[in-house]
Amino acid sequence: MKTRFDLTPFVEKGGLGGARKVFGGELGSLVKELNEVLSA
């Protein structure tokens, strides 16, 4: 399954694996919160 993390510029910074390294277990809740705030 393709995600936004597979697209530029995310893939250039490590993609989903890189995001998981940086944000760990908080990644899911962070993405959910960002989506809620940005879509409001």
N, C-alpha and C. Protein backbone atom coordinates (compact mmCIF):
# COMPACT_ATOMS: atom_id res chain seq x y z
N MET A 1 0.85 -1.18 0.00
CA MET A 1 0.00 0.00 0.00
C MET A 1 0.89 1.24 0.00
N LYS A 2 0.61 2.14 -0.90
CA LYS A 2 1.38 3.38 -1.01
C LYS A 2 0.81 4.42 -0.04
N THR A 3 1.68 5.15 0.60
CA THR A 3 1.27 6.21 1.52
C THR A 3 1.93 7.52 1.10
N ARG A 4 1.56 8.58 1.75
CA ARG A 4 2.20 9.88 1.48
C ARG A 4 3.69 9.83 1.81
N PHE A 5 4.08 8.94 2.72
CA PHE A 5 5.48 8.83 3.09
C PHE A 5 6.32 8.23 1.97
N ASP A 6 5.67 7.70 0.92
CA ASP A 6 6.38 7.17 -0.24
C ASP A 6 6.63 8.23 -1.30
N LEU A 7 6.17 9.44 -1.06
CA LEU A 7 6.29 10.53 -2.02
C LEU A 7 7.37 11.52 -1.61
N THR A 8 7.85 12.31 -2.58
CA THR A 8 8.79 13.40 -2.31
C THR A 8 8.08 14.45 -1.48
N PRO A 9 8.62 15.04 -0.49
CA PRO A 9 9.99 14.95 -0.01
C PRO A 9 10.20 13.89 1.06
N PHE A 10 9.12 13.20 1.47
CA PHE A 10 9.22 12.25 2.58
C PHE A 10 10.18 11.11 2.29
N VAL A 11 10.10 10.54 1.09
CA VAL A 11 10.96 9.41 0.74
C VAL A 11 12.44 9.83 0.76
N GLU A 12 12.72 11.07 0.45
CA GLU A 12 14.10 11.57 0.48
C GLU A 12 14.64 11.66 1.91
N LYS A 13 13.74 11.70 2.87
CA LYS A 13 14.13 11.80 4.29
C LYS A 13 13.95 10.48 5.03
N GLY A 14 13.75 9.39 4.30
CA GLY A 14 13.66 8.08 4.95
C GLY A 14 12.28 7.46 4.90
N GLY A 15 11.31 8.15 4.36
CA GLY A 15 9.97 7.60 4.21
C GLY A 15 9.33 7.25 5.54
N LEU A 16 8.48 6.24 5.51
CA LEU A 16 7.74 5.84 6.71
C LEU A 16 8.69 5.33 7.79
N GLY A 17 9.72 4.59 7.40
CA GLY A 17 10.69 4.10 8.37
C GLY A 17 11.40 5.23 9.08
N GLY A 18 11.76 6.27 8.34
CA GLY A 18 12.40 7.43 8.95
C GLY A 18 11.48 8.16 9.91
N ALA A 19 10.22 8.28 9.54
CA ALA A 19 9.25 8.94 10.42
C ALA A 19 9.05 8.13 11.70
N ARG A 20 9.02 6.82 11.56
CA ARG A 20 8.87 5.95 12.75
C ARG A 20 10.08 6.07 13.67
N LYS A 21 11.27 6.20 13.08
CA LYS A 21 12.48 6.37 13.90
C LYS A 21 12.41 7.66 14.70
N VAL A 22 11.94 8.73 14.06
CA VAL A 22 11.91 10.04 14.70
C VAL A 22 10.78 10.14 15.72
N PHE A 23 9.57 9.71 15.34
CA PHE A 23 8.40 9.92 16.18
C PHE A 23 7.96 8.70 16.97
N GLY A 24 8.50 7.53 16.65
CA GLY A 24 8.20 6.31 17.38
C GLY A 24 6.71 6.02 17.46
N GLY A 25 6.26 5.62 18.64
CA GLY A 25 4.87 5.25 18.86
C GLY A 25 3.90 6.41 18.77
N GLU A 26 4.39 7.62 18.71
CA GLU A 26 3.52 8.79 18.63
C GLU A 26 3.14 9.15 17.19
N LEU A 27 3.71 8.47 16.20
CA LEU A 27 3.49 8.83 14.81
C LEU A 27 2.02 8.80 14.43
N GLY A 28 1.33 7.73 14.77
CA GLY A 28 -0.08 7.59 14.41
C GLY A 28 -0.94 8.70 14.96
N SER A 29 -0.78 8.99 16.25
CA SER A 29 -1.59 10.04 16.87
C SER A 29 -1.20 11.42 16.34
N LEU A 30 0.08 11.61 16.03
CA LEU A 30 0.53 12.89 15.47
C LEU A 30 -0.07 13.12 14.10
N VAL A 31 -0.05 12.10 13.24
CA VAL A 31 -0.64 12.23 11.90
C VAL A 31 -2.14 12.48 12.00
N LYS A 32 -2.79 11.78 12.90
CA LYS A 32 -4.25 11.97 13.09
C LYS A 32 -4.54 13.40 13.54
N GLU A 33 -3.77 13.90 14.50
CA GLU A 33 -3.99 15.27 14.98
C GLU A 33 -3.72 16.31 13.88
N LEU A 34 -2.65 16.11 13.12
CA LEU A 34 -2.36 17.02 12.02
C LEU A 34 -3.49 17.04 11.00
N ASN A 35 -4.00 15.86 10.65
CA ASN A 35 -5.11 15.79 9.70
C ASN A 35 -6.34 16.52 10.22
N GLU A 36 -6.66 16.37 11.50
CA GLU A 36 -7.82 17.04 12.08
C GLU A 36 -7.66 18.55 12.05
N VAL A 37 -6.49 19.03 12.43
CA VAL A 37 -6.23 20.47 12.50
C VAL A 37 -6.20 21.08 11.09
N LEU A 38 -5.53 20.41 10.18
CA LEU A 38 -5.39 20.96 8.83
C LEU A 38 -6.68 20.90 8.02
N SER A 39 -7.57 20.01 8.37
CA SER A 39 -8.82 19.90 7.62
C SER A 39 -9.95 20.73 8.24
N ALA A 40 -9.67 21.35 9.35
CA ALA A 40 -10.70 22.17 10.03
C ALA A 40 -10.88 23.51 9.37
